[in-house]
Amino acid sequence: MTQALAVALMIALAVALLASLLLAWWVRTRRDAGLAAPVGEAPAGATEIASFETLYVATTRAGEPLERLAIRGLGFRSRADVTVLSTGVAIDLTGQPRLYLAADRIADVAQATVTIDRVVESDGLTRLSWRLDDGTVVDSYLRPQDASARALADAIGGILPTLHTGSDA
């Protein structure tokens, strides 16, 4: 095999790999096109309880930590500021509109160790389970930067009086 043929085969392989990645992401975005995040502001009078600098890792279907959802604004990792308010949780992802999760939308909050493309020390992630407008429960994973995942989970759990906060292994 000549050097030119080997280079041509490597280029063809790289193009085929990139094309398959693009096709897979396109299929995923089409599959998740009907899912939407709740964009908006907190109601007037909501008081701030705590604020955390985090790394937003991913949003997945509840109980499926390795299946990323391609929800507009939540498809990619990002730095985020999470503000726990008396009425819910506001998430400000870099370059995206504010997400506001009213307390009645939140199904659970716990700690986790694994999600798509991220494995951390035991209980190093905060898993926030919440409902989309259509009732689908999703899990969003956050990695606090200057606090523990437990502190974030406890702050969110504190606004949800009937919620048990726990840990996923």
N, C-alpha and C. Protein backbone atom coordinates (compact mmCIF):
# COMPACT_ATOMS: atom_id res chain seq x y z
N MET A 1 0.85 -1.17 0.00
CA MET A 1 0.00 0.00 0.00
C MET A 1 0.90 1.24 0.00
N THR A 2 0.56 2.15 -0.86
CA THR A 2 1.38 3.36 -0.95
C THR A 2 1.00 4.32 0.17
N GLN A 3 1.86 5.27 0.39
CA GLN A 3 1.62 6.26 1.44
C GLN A 3 0.38 7.11 1.09
N ALA A 4 0.21 7.46 -0.16
CA ALA A 4 -0.94 8.26 -0.58
C ALA A 4 -2.25 7.50 -0.33
N LEU A 5 -2.27 6.21 -0.63
CA LEU A 5 -3.46 5.41 -0.40
C LEU A 5 -3.77 5.31 1.10
N ALA A 6 -2.75 5.14 1.92
CA ALA A 6 -2.95 5.07 3.38
C ALA A 6 -3.52 6.38 3.92
N VAL A 7 -3.01 7.51 3.43
CA VAL A 7 -3.53 8.81 3.86
C VAL A 7 -4.98 8.97 3.41
N ALA A 8 -5.27 8.57 2.19
CA ALA A 8 -6.64 8.68 1.69
C ALA A 8 -7.60 7.82 2.51
N LEU A 9 -7.18 6.61 2.89
CA LEU A 9 -8.02 5.74 3.72
C LEU A 9 -8.24 6.35 5.11
N MET A 10 -7.22 6.95 5.69
CA MET A 10 -7.36 7.58 7.02
C MET A 10 -8.31 8.77 6.95
N ILE A 11 -8.21 9.56 5.90
CA ILE A 11 -9.11 10.71 5.73
C ILE A 11 -10.54 10.22 5.54
N ALA A 12 -10.74 9.19 4.74
CA ALA A 12 -12.08 8.63 4.52
C ALA A 12 -12.65 8.08 5.83
N LEU A 13 -11.83 7.42 6.62
CA LEU A 13 -12.28 6.89 7.91
C LEU A 13 -12.68 8.04 8.86
N ALA A 14 -11.89 9.09 8.90
CA ALA A 14 -12.19 10.25 9.75
C ALA A 14 -13.49 10.92 9.32
N VAL A 15 -13.69 11.08 8.01
CA VAL A 15 -14.92 11.69 7.50
C VAL A 15 -16.13 10.81 7.85
N ALA A 16 -15.99 9.50 7.69
CA ALA A 16 -17.09 8.58 8.01
C ALA A 16 -17.42 8.63 9.50
N LEU A 17 -16.41 8.71 10.35
CA LEU A 17 -16.63 8.80 11.79
C LEU A 17 -17.35 10.10 12.15
N LEU A 18 -16.90 11.22 11.62
CA LEU A 18 -17.56 12.50 11.87
C LEU A 18 -19.00 12.51 11.36
N ALA A 19 -19.22 11.94 10.20
CA ALA A 19 -20.57 11.87 9.64
C ALA A 19 -21.48 11.03 10.54
N SER A 20 -20.98 9.92 11.07
CA SER A 20 -21.80 9.09 11.95
C SER A 20 -22.11 9.81 13.27
N LEU A 21 -21.16 10.58 13.79
CA LEU A 21 -21.40 11.36 15.00
C LEU A 21 -22.47 12.43 14.76
N LEU A 22 -22.37 13.12 13.65
CA LEU A 22 -23.37 14.14 13.30
C LEU A 22 -24.75 13.52 13.11
N LEU A 23 -24.81 12.39 12.44
CA LEU A 23 -26.08 11.70 12.24
C LEU A 23 -26.69 11.28 13.58
N ALA A 24 -25.87 10.74 14.48
CA ALA A 24 -26.37 10.32 15.79
C ALA A 24 -26.93 11.50 16.58
N TRP A 25 -26.23 12.65 16.56
CA TRP A 25 -26.72 13.83 17.27
C TRP A 25 -28.01 14.36 16.63
N TRP A 26 -28.08 14.34 15.31
CA TRP A 26 -29.28 14.79 14.60
C TRP A 26 -30.47 13.92 14.99
N VAL A 27 -30.29 12.60 15.03
CA VAL A 27 -31.35 11.68 15.41
C VAL A 27 -31.79 11.97 16.85
N ARG A 28 -30.83 12.20 17.75
CA ARG A 28 -31.14 12.50 19.15
C ARG A 28 -31.95 13.81 19.27
N THR A 29 -31.55 14.84 18.53
CA THR A 29 -32.28 16.11 18.61
C THR A 29 -33.69 15.98 18.04
N ARG A 30 -33.86 15.17 17.03
CA ARG A 30 -35.20 14.93 16.49
C ARG A 30 -36.05 14.17 17.50
N ARG A 31 -35.46 13.17 18.15
CA ARG A 31 -36.16 12.37 19.16
C ARG A 31 -36.64 13.25 20.31
N ASP A 32 -35.81 14.21 20.73
CA ASP A 32 -36.10 15.04 21.90
C ASP A 32 -36.70 16.40 21.55
N ALA A 33 -37.09 16.60 20.30
CA ALA A 33 -37.58 17.91 19.85
C ALA A 33 -38.81 18.37 20.63
N GLY A 34 -39.63 17.46 21.10
CA GLY A 34 -40.84 17.84 21.83
C GLY A 34 -40.62 18.17 23.29
N LEU A 35 -39.41 17.97 23.80
CA LEU A 35 -39.11 18.25 25.20
C LEU A 35 -38.59 19.68 25.33
N ALA A 36 -39.08 20.40 26.32
CA ALA A 36 -38.64 21.79 26.51
C ALA A 36 -38.40 22.07 27.98
N ALA A 37 -37.35 22.83 28.24
CA ALA A 37 -37.02 23.25 29.60
C ALA A 37 -37.87 24.46 29.98
N PRO A 38 -38.20 24.60 31.26
CA PRO A 38 -39.01 25.73 31.71
C PRO A 38 -38.18 27.00 31.85
N VAL A 39 -38.19 27.82 30.84
CA VAL A 39 -37.43 29.07 30.83
C VAL A 39 -38.29 30.15 31.48
N GLY A 40 -37.68 30.95 32.34
CA GLY A 40 -38.43 32.04 32.96
C GLY A 40 -37.80 32.51 34.25
N GLU A 41 -38.44 33.47 34.84
CA GLU A 41 -37.97 34.08 36.09
C GLU A 41 -38.79 33.57 37.27
N ALA A 42 -38.20 33.69 38.44
CA ALA A 42 -38.90 33.34 39.68
C ALA A 42 -40.01 34.36 39.92
N PRO A 43 -41.06 33.96 40.62
CA PRO A 43 -42.13 34.91 40.92
C PRO A 43 -41.63 36.04 41.82
N ALA A 44 -42.27 37.18 41.70
CA ALA A 44 -41.93 38.32 42.55
C ALA A 44 -42.11 37.92 44.01
N GLY A 45 -41.21 38.35 44.85
CA GLY A 45 -41.30 38.05 46.27
C GLY A 45 -40.52 36.82 46.69
N ALA A 46 -39.98 36.06 45.74
CA ALA A 46 -39.17 34.89 46.09
C ALA A 46 -37.87 35.37 46.75
N THR A 47 -37.49 34.74 47.83
CA THR A 47 -36.27 35.14 48.53
C THR A 47 -35.17 34.13 48.28
N GLU A 48 -33.95 34.63 48.16
CA GLU A 48 -32.79 33.76 47.92
C GLU A 48 -32.37 33.08 49.21
N ILE A 49 -32.20 31.76 49.13
CA ILE A 49 -31.77 30.98 50.28
C ILE A 49 -30.28 30.66 50.18
N ALA A 50 -29.84 30.28 48.98
CA ALA A 50 -28.42 29.94 48.78
C ALA A 50 -28.09 30.07 47.30
N SER A 51 -26.81 30.23 47.02
CA SER A 51 -26.35 30.33 45.64
C SER A 51 -25.08 29.49 45.50
N PHE A 52 -24.96 28.78 44.37
CA PHE A 52 -23.83 27.88 44.16
C PHE A 52 -23.28 28.06 42.75
N GLU A 53 -21.95 28.11 42.63
CA GLU A 53 -21.32 28.01 41.32
C GLU A 53 -21.16 26.53 41.04
N THR A 54 -21.62 26.09 39.86
CA THR A 54 -21.58 24.67 39.54
C THR A 54 -21.10 24.45 38.12
N LEU A 55 -20.83 23.21 37.83
CA LEU A 55 -20.66 22.75 36.46
C LEU A 55 -21.90 21.94 36.15
N TYR A 56 -22.69 22.40 35.18
CA TYR A 56 -23.84 21.63 34.72
C TYR A 56 -23.29 20.50 33.86
N VAL A 57 -23.63 19.27 34.18
CA VAL A 57 -23.05 18.11 33.48
C VAL A 57 -23.97 17.60 32.39
N ALA A 58 -25.21 17.27 32.74
CA ALA A 58 -26.11 16.68 31.74
C ALA A 58 -27.52 16.60 32.30
N THR A 59 -28.47 16.39 31.39
CA THR A 59 -29.84 16.05 31.76
C THR A 59 -30.19 14.76 31.05
N THR A 60 -30.72 13.81 31.81
CA THR A 60 -31.06 12.49 31.28
C THR A 60 -32.50 12.15 31.68
N ARG A 61 -33.04 11.12 31.08
CA ARG A 61 -34.34 10.63 31.55
C ARG A 61 -34.12 10.09 32.96
N ALA A 62 -35.12 10.22 33.80
CA ALA A 62 -35.02 9.75 35.19
C ALA A 62 -34.64 8.27 35.21
N GLY A 63 -33.64 7.96 36.01
CA GLY A 63 -33.20 6.57 36.14
C GLY A 63 -32.33 6.06 35.02
N GLU A 64 -32.01 6.89 34.04
CA GLU A 64 -31.15 6.50 32.92
C GLU A 64 -29.96 7.45 32.83
N PRO A 65 -29.00 7.35 33.77
CA PRO A 65 -27.93 8.35 33.85
C PRO A 65 -26.94 8.33 32.68
N LEU A 66 -27.05 7.37 31.79
CA LEU A 66 -26.13 7.31 30.66
C LEU A 66 -26.79 7.65 29.33
N GLU A 67 -28.00 8.20 29.36
CA GLU A 67 -28.73 8.55 28.14
C GLU A 67 -29.06 10.04 28.12
N ARG A 68 -28.14 10.84 27.58
CA ARG A 68 -28.30 12.30 27.53
C ARG A 68 -29.51 12.69 26.69
N LEU A 69 -30.23 13.69 27.16
CA LEU A 69 -31.33 14.26 26.39
C LEU A 69 -30.83 15.52 25.69
N ALA A 70 -31.31 15.76 24.49
CA ALA A 70 -30.90 16.93 23.71
C ALA A 70 -31.99 18.00 23.81
N ILE A 71 -32.28 18.43 25.03
CA ILE A 71 -33.26 19.48 25.26
C ILE A 71 -32.58 20.81 24.98
N ARG A 72 -33.25 21.68 24.25
CA ARG A 72 -32.65 22.97 23.90
C ARG A 72 -32.18 23.70 25.16
N GLY A 73 -30.90 24.06 25.16
CA GLY A 73 -30.30 24.75 26.29
C GLY A 73 -29.67 23.83 27.31
N LEU A 74 -30.02 22.54 27.28
CA LEU A 74 -29.49 21.58 28.25
C LEU A 74 -28.71 20.44 27.60
N GLY A 75 -28.37 20.57 26.34
CA GLY A 75 -27.71 19.48 25.63
C GLY A 75 -26.22 19.36 25.87
N PHE A 76 -25.59 20.42 26.37
CA PHE A 76 -24.13 20.41 26.51
C PHE A 76 -23.70 20.86 27.89
N ARG A 77 -22.52 20.42 28.31
CA ARG A 77 -21.99 20.85 29.60
C ARG A 77 -21.74 22.35 29.59
N SER A 78 -21.83 22.93 30.78
CA SER A 78 -21.67 24.38 30.88
C SER A 78 -21.41 24.77 32.33
N ARG A 79 -20.79 25.90 32.52
CA ARG A 79 -20.75 26.50 33.85
C ARG A 79 -22.15 27.01 34.15
N ALA A 80 -22.53 26.96 35.43
CA ALA A 80 -23.88 27.41 35.79
C ALA A 80 -23.89 27.97 37.20
N ASP A 81 -24.75 28.94 37.40
CA ASP A 81 -25.03 29.45 38.74
C ASP A 81 -26.40 28.91 39.13
N VAL A 82 -26.46 28.25 40.27
CA VAL A 82 -27.71 27.69 40.77
C VAL A 82 -28.13 28.51 41.99
N THR A 83 -29.33 29.07 41.93
CA THR A 83 -29.85 29.86 43.04
C THR A 83 -31.06 29.15 43.61
N VAL A 84 -30.96 28.79 44.89
CA VAL A 84 -32.09 28.17 45.58
C VAL A 84 -32.91 29.30 46.17
N LEU A 85 -34.18 29.34 45.77
CA LEU A 85 -35.09 30.39 46.22
C LEU A 85 -36.18 29.77 47.09
N SER A 86 -36.91 30.59 47.78
CA SER A 86 -37.99 30.09 48.63
C SER A 86 -39.09 29.39 47.83
N THR A 87 -39.16 29.68 46.53
CA THR A 87 -40.23 29.13 45.68
C THR A 87 -39.76 28.08 44.67
N GLY A 88 -38.45 27.87 44.57
CA GLY A 88 -37.93 26.93 43.59
C GLY A 88 -36.44 27.10 43.37
N VAL A 89 -35.98 26.68 42.20
CA VAL A 89 -34.56 26.72 41.87
C VAL A 89 -34.38 27.39 40.52
N ALA A 90 -33.48 28.37 40.47
CA ALA A 90 -33.13 29.04 39.21
C ALA A 90 -31.76 28.56 38.78
N ILE A 91 -31.64 28.20 37.51
CA ILE A 91 -30.36 27.72 36.96
C ILE A 91 -29.99 28.62 35.80
N ASP A 92 -28.83 29.27 35.93
CA ASP A 92 -28.33 30.17 34.89
C ASP A 92 -27.12 29.51 34.23
N LEU A 93 -27.34 28.91 33.06
CA LEU A 93 -26.25 28.31 32.30
C LEU A 93 -25.64 29.37 31.40
N THR A 94 -24.34 29.31 31.22
CA THR A 94 -23.64 30.27 30.39
C THR A 94 -24.25 30.32 29.00
N GLY A 95 -24.66 31.53 28.57
CA GLY A 95 -25.18 31.74 27.23
C GLY A 95 -26.59 31.26 26.99
N GLN A 96 -27.30 30.86 28.03
CA GLN A 96 -28.67 30.35 27.87
C GLN A 96 -29.63 31.18 28.72
N PRO A 97 -30.92 31.19 28.36
CA PRO A 97 -31.90 31.87 29.21
C PRO A 97 -32.02 31.16 30.56
N ARG A 98 -32.44 31.88 31.56
CA ARG A 98 -32.60 31.32 32.91
C ARG A 98 -33.67 30.23 32.92
N LEU A 99 -33.35 29.12 33.59
CA LEU A 99 -34.33 28.07 33.83
C LEU A 99 -34.87 28.26 35.23
N TYR A 100 -36.16 28.17 35.38
CA TYR A 100 -36.74 28.27 36.71
C TYR A 100 -37.59 27.03 36.96
N LEU A 101 -37.22 26.28 38.00
CA LEU A 101 -37.95 25.09 38.39
C LEU A 101 -38.72 25.41 39.66
N ALA A 102 -40.02 25.57 39.54
CA ALA A 102 -40.85 25.81 40.72
C ALA A 102 -40.76 24.58 41.64
N ALA A 103 -40.89 24.80 42.93
CA ALA A 103 -40.74 23.72 43.90
C ALA A 103 -41.68 22.55 43.61
N ASP A 104 -42.88 22.80 43.10
CA ASP A 104 -43.82 21.71 42.81
C ASP A 104 -43.41 20.90 41.58
N ARG A 105 -42.46 21.38 40.82
CA ARG A 105 -41.95 20.68 39.65
C ARG A 105 -40.83 19.70 40.03
N ILE A 106 -40.21 19.92 41.19
CA ILE A 106 -39.07 19.11 41.62
C ILE A 106 -39.57 17.82 42.26
N ALA A 107 -39.11 16.69 41.72
CA ALA A 107 -39.55 15.37 42.20
C ALA A 107 -38.62 14.81 43.27
N ASP A 108 -37.32 15.12 43.19
CA ASP A 108 -36.34 14.54 44.12
C ASP A 108 -35.03 15.29 43.99
N VAL A 109 -34.22 15.21 45.01
CA VAL A 109 -32.86 15.71 44.94
C VAL A 109 -32.00 14.75 45.75
N ALA A 110 -30.86 14.39 45.19
CA ALA A 110 -29.98 13.43 45.85
C ALA A 110 -28.56 13.66 45.35
N GLN A 111 -27.66 12.85 45.86
CA GLN A 111 -26.29 12.88 45.38
C GLN A 111 -26.08 11.68 44.47
N ALA A 112 -25.13 11.81 43.55
CA ALA A 112 -24.84 10.74 42.60
C ALA A 112 -23.34 10.70 42.34
N THR A 113 -22.90 9.64 41.73
CA THR A 113 -21.49 9.46 41.42
C THR A 113 -21.23 9.40 39.92
N VAL A 114 -22.23 8.93 39.15
CA VAL A 114 -22.04 8.68 37.72
C VAL A 114 -23.16 9.30 36.91
N THR A 115 -22.80 9.89 35.78
CA THR A 115 -23.74 10.26 34.74
C THR A 115 -22.98 10.23 33.43
N ILE A 116 -23.65 10.53 32.34
CA ILE A 116 -23.02 10.46 31.02
C ILE A 116 -21.72 11.26 31.01
N ASP A 117 -20.66 10.68 30.59
CA ASP A 117 -19.31 11.21 30.45
C ASP A 117 -18.73 11.85 31.71
N ARG A 118 -19.22 11.47 32.88
CA ARG A 118 -18.67 12.03 34.12
C ARG A 118 -18.78 11.00 35.23
N VAL A 119 -17.64 10.66 35.82
CA VAL A 119 -17.59 9.84 37.02
C VAL A 119 -16.75 10.62 38.02
N VAL A 120 -17.28 10.77 39.23
CA VAL A 120 -16.58 11.56 40.25
C VAL A 120 -16.47 10.72 41.52
N GLU A 121 -15.89 11.32 42.55
CA GLU A 121 -15.81 10.63 43.83
C GLU A 121 -17.23 10.31 44.30
N SER A 122 -17.33 9.39 45.23
CA SER A 122 -18.63 8.97 45.74
C SER A 122 -19.46 10.18 46.16
N ASP A 123 -20.67 10.26 45.61
CA ASP A 123 -21.63 11.33 45.92
C ASP A 123 -21.12 12.73 45.59
N GLY A 124 -20.32 12.88 44.55
CA GLY A 124 -19.76 14.18 44.17
C GLY A 124 -20.64 15.01 43.25
N LEU A 125 -21.74 14.44 42.79
CA LEU A 125 -22.69 15.17 41.93
C LEU A 125 -24.01 15.37 42.68
N THR A 126 -24.72 16.42 42.33
CA THR A 126 -26.09 16.60 42.83
C THR A 126 -27.02 16.23 41.68
N ARG A 127 -27.94 15.30 41.96
CA ARG A 127 -28.94 14.89 40.97
C ARG A 127 -30.26 15.55 41.32
N LEU A 128 -30.72 16.41 40.43
CA LEU A 128 -31.98 17.13 40.63
C LEU A 128 -33.01 16.53 39.67
N SER A 129 -33.99 15.85 40.21
CA SER A 129 -35.06 15.24 39.40
C SER A 129 -36.23 16.21 39.34
N TRP A 130 -36.71 16.48 38.12
CA TRP A 130 -37.79 17.44 37.95
C TRP A 130 -38.66 17.05 36.76
N ARG A 131 -39.85 17.66 36.70
CA ARG A 131 -40.82 17.32 35.67
C ARG A 131 -40.82 18.37 34.55
N LEU A 132 -40.80 17.87 33.31
CA LEU A 132 -41.02 18.74 32.16
C LEU A 132 -42.49 19.08 32.09
N ASP A 133 -42.86 19.98 31.19
CA ASP A 133 -44.26 20.39 31.06
C ASP A 133 -45.18 19.22 30.75
N ASP A 134 -44.67 18.23 30.01
CA ASP A 134 -45.52 17.08 29.65
C ASP A 134 -45.55 16.00 30.74
N GLY A 135 -44.90 16.24 31.88
CA GLY A 135 -44.91 15.28 32.98
C GLY A 135 -43.73 14.33 33.00
N THR A 136 -42.92 14.32 31.94
CA THR A 136 -41.73 13.47 31.90
C THR A 136 -40.77 13.88 33.00
N VAL A 137 -40.31 12.92 33.79
CA VAL A 137 -39.34 13.22 34.85
C VAL A 137 -37.94 13.04 34.29
N VAL A 138 -37.11 14.07 34.49
CA VAL A 138 -35.72 14.05 34.03
C VAL A 138 -34.80 14.30 35.22
N ASP A 139 -33.55 13.89 35.07
CA ASP A 139 -32.53 14.13 36.08
C ASP A 139 -31.49 15.07 35.51
N SER A 140 -31.23 16.17 36.21
CA SER A 140 -30.14 17.08 35.84
C SER A 140 -29.03 16.91 36.85
N TYR A 141 -27.81 16.80 36.37
CA TYR A 141 -26.65 16.57 37.23
C TYR A 141 -25.80 17.83 37.30
N LEU A 142 -25.47 18.21 38.54
CA LEU A 142 -24.69 19.42 38.80
C LEU A 142 -23.49 19.06 39.66
N ARG A 143 -22.37 19.70 39.37
CA ARG A 143 -21.14 19.48 40.14
C ARG A 143 -20.76 20.81 40.78
N PRO A 144 -21.10 21.00 42.07
CA PRO A 144 -20.74 22.27 42.73
C PRO A 144 -19.23 22.48 42.72
N GLN A 145 -18.82 23.74 42.53
CA GLN A 145 -17.40 24.07 42.44
C GLN A 145 -16.80 24.50 43.78
N ASP A 146 -17.55 25.24 44.58
CA ASP A 146 -17.00 25.76 45.83
C ASP A 146 -17.74 25.24 47.07
N ALA A 147 -18.54 24.21 46.89
CA ALA A 147 -19.29 23.62 48.00
C ALA A 147 -19.44 22.14 47.70
N SER A 148 -19.99 21.41 48.65
CA SER A 148 -20.19 19.98 48.43
C SER A 148 -21.52 19.73 47.74
N ALA A 149 -21.60 18.58 47.10
CA ALA A 149 -22.87 18.18 46.48
C ALA A 149 -23.94 18.01 47.56
N ARG A 150 -23.54 17.61 48.73
CA ARG A 150 -24.48 17.47 49.86
C ARG A 150 -25.07 18.83 50.22
N ALA A 151 -24.23 19.88 50.27
CA ALA A 151 -24.72 21.22 50.62
C ALA A 151 -25.76 21.70 49.61
N LEU A 152 -25.52 21.47 48.32
CA LEU A 152 -26.49 21.86 47.30
C LEU A 152 -27.78 21.05 47.44
N ALA A 153 -27.64 19.73 47.62
CA ALA A 153 -28.83 18.88 47.78
C ALA A 153 -29.62 19.27 49.02
N ASP A 154 -28.94 19.58 50.11
CA ASP A 154 -29.64 19.98 51.34
C ASP A 154 -30.36 21.31 51.16
N ALA A 155 -29.72 22.25 50.46
CA ALA A 155 -30.35 23.56 50.24
C ALA A 155 -31.63 23.40 49.42
N ILE A 156 -31.58 22.58 48.37
CA ILE A 156 -32.77 22.35 47.55
C ILE A 156 -33.81 21.57 48.35
N GLY A 157 -33.37 20.54 49.05
CA GLY A 157 -34.29 19.75 49.86
C GLY A 157 -34.98 20.58 50.93
N GLY A 158 -34.32 21.64 51.39
CA GLY A 158 -34.90 22.49 52.42
C GLY A 158 -36.13 23.26 51.98
N ILE A 159 -36.30 23.46 50.69
CA ILE A 159 -37.51 24.17 50.21
C ILE A 159 -38.62 23.19 49.86
N LEU A 160 -38.34 21.91 50.01
CA LEU A 160 -39.31 20.87 49.67
C LEU A 160 -39.62 20.07 50.92
N PRO A 161 -40.55 20.51 51.74
CA PRO A 161 -40.74 19.91 53.07
C PRO A 161 -41.11 18.43 53.07
N THR A 162 -41.72 17.93 52.02
CA THR A 162 -42.13 16.53 52.02
C THR A 162 -41.13 15.64 51.28
N LEU A 163 -40.01 16.23 50.84
CA LEU A 163 -39.07 15.47 50.03
C LEU A 163 -37.98 14.85 50.88
N HIS A 164 -37.69 13.60 50.60
CA HIS A 164 -36.55 12.93 51.23
C HIS A 164 -35.35 13.12 50.32
N THR A 165 -34.25 13.64 50.84
CA THR A 165 -33.03 13.76 50.03
C THR A 165 -32.15 12.59 50.37
N GLY A 166 -31.57 11.99 49.36
CA GLY A 166 -30.77 10.80 49.58
C GLY A 166 -29.54 10.78 48.74
N SER A 167 -29.06 9.57 48.51
CA SER A 167 -27.82 9.38 47.76
C SER A 167 -27.99 8.23 46.80
N ASP A 168 -27.46 8.40 45.59
CA ASP A 168 -27.38 7.33 44.61
C ASP A 168 -25.95 6.84 44.66
N ALA A 169 -25.72 5.59 44.58
CA ALA A 169 -24.33 5.09 44.58
C ALA A 169 -23.80 5.03 43.19
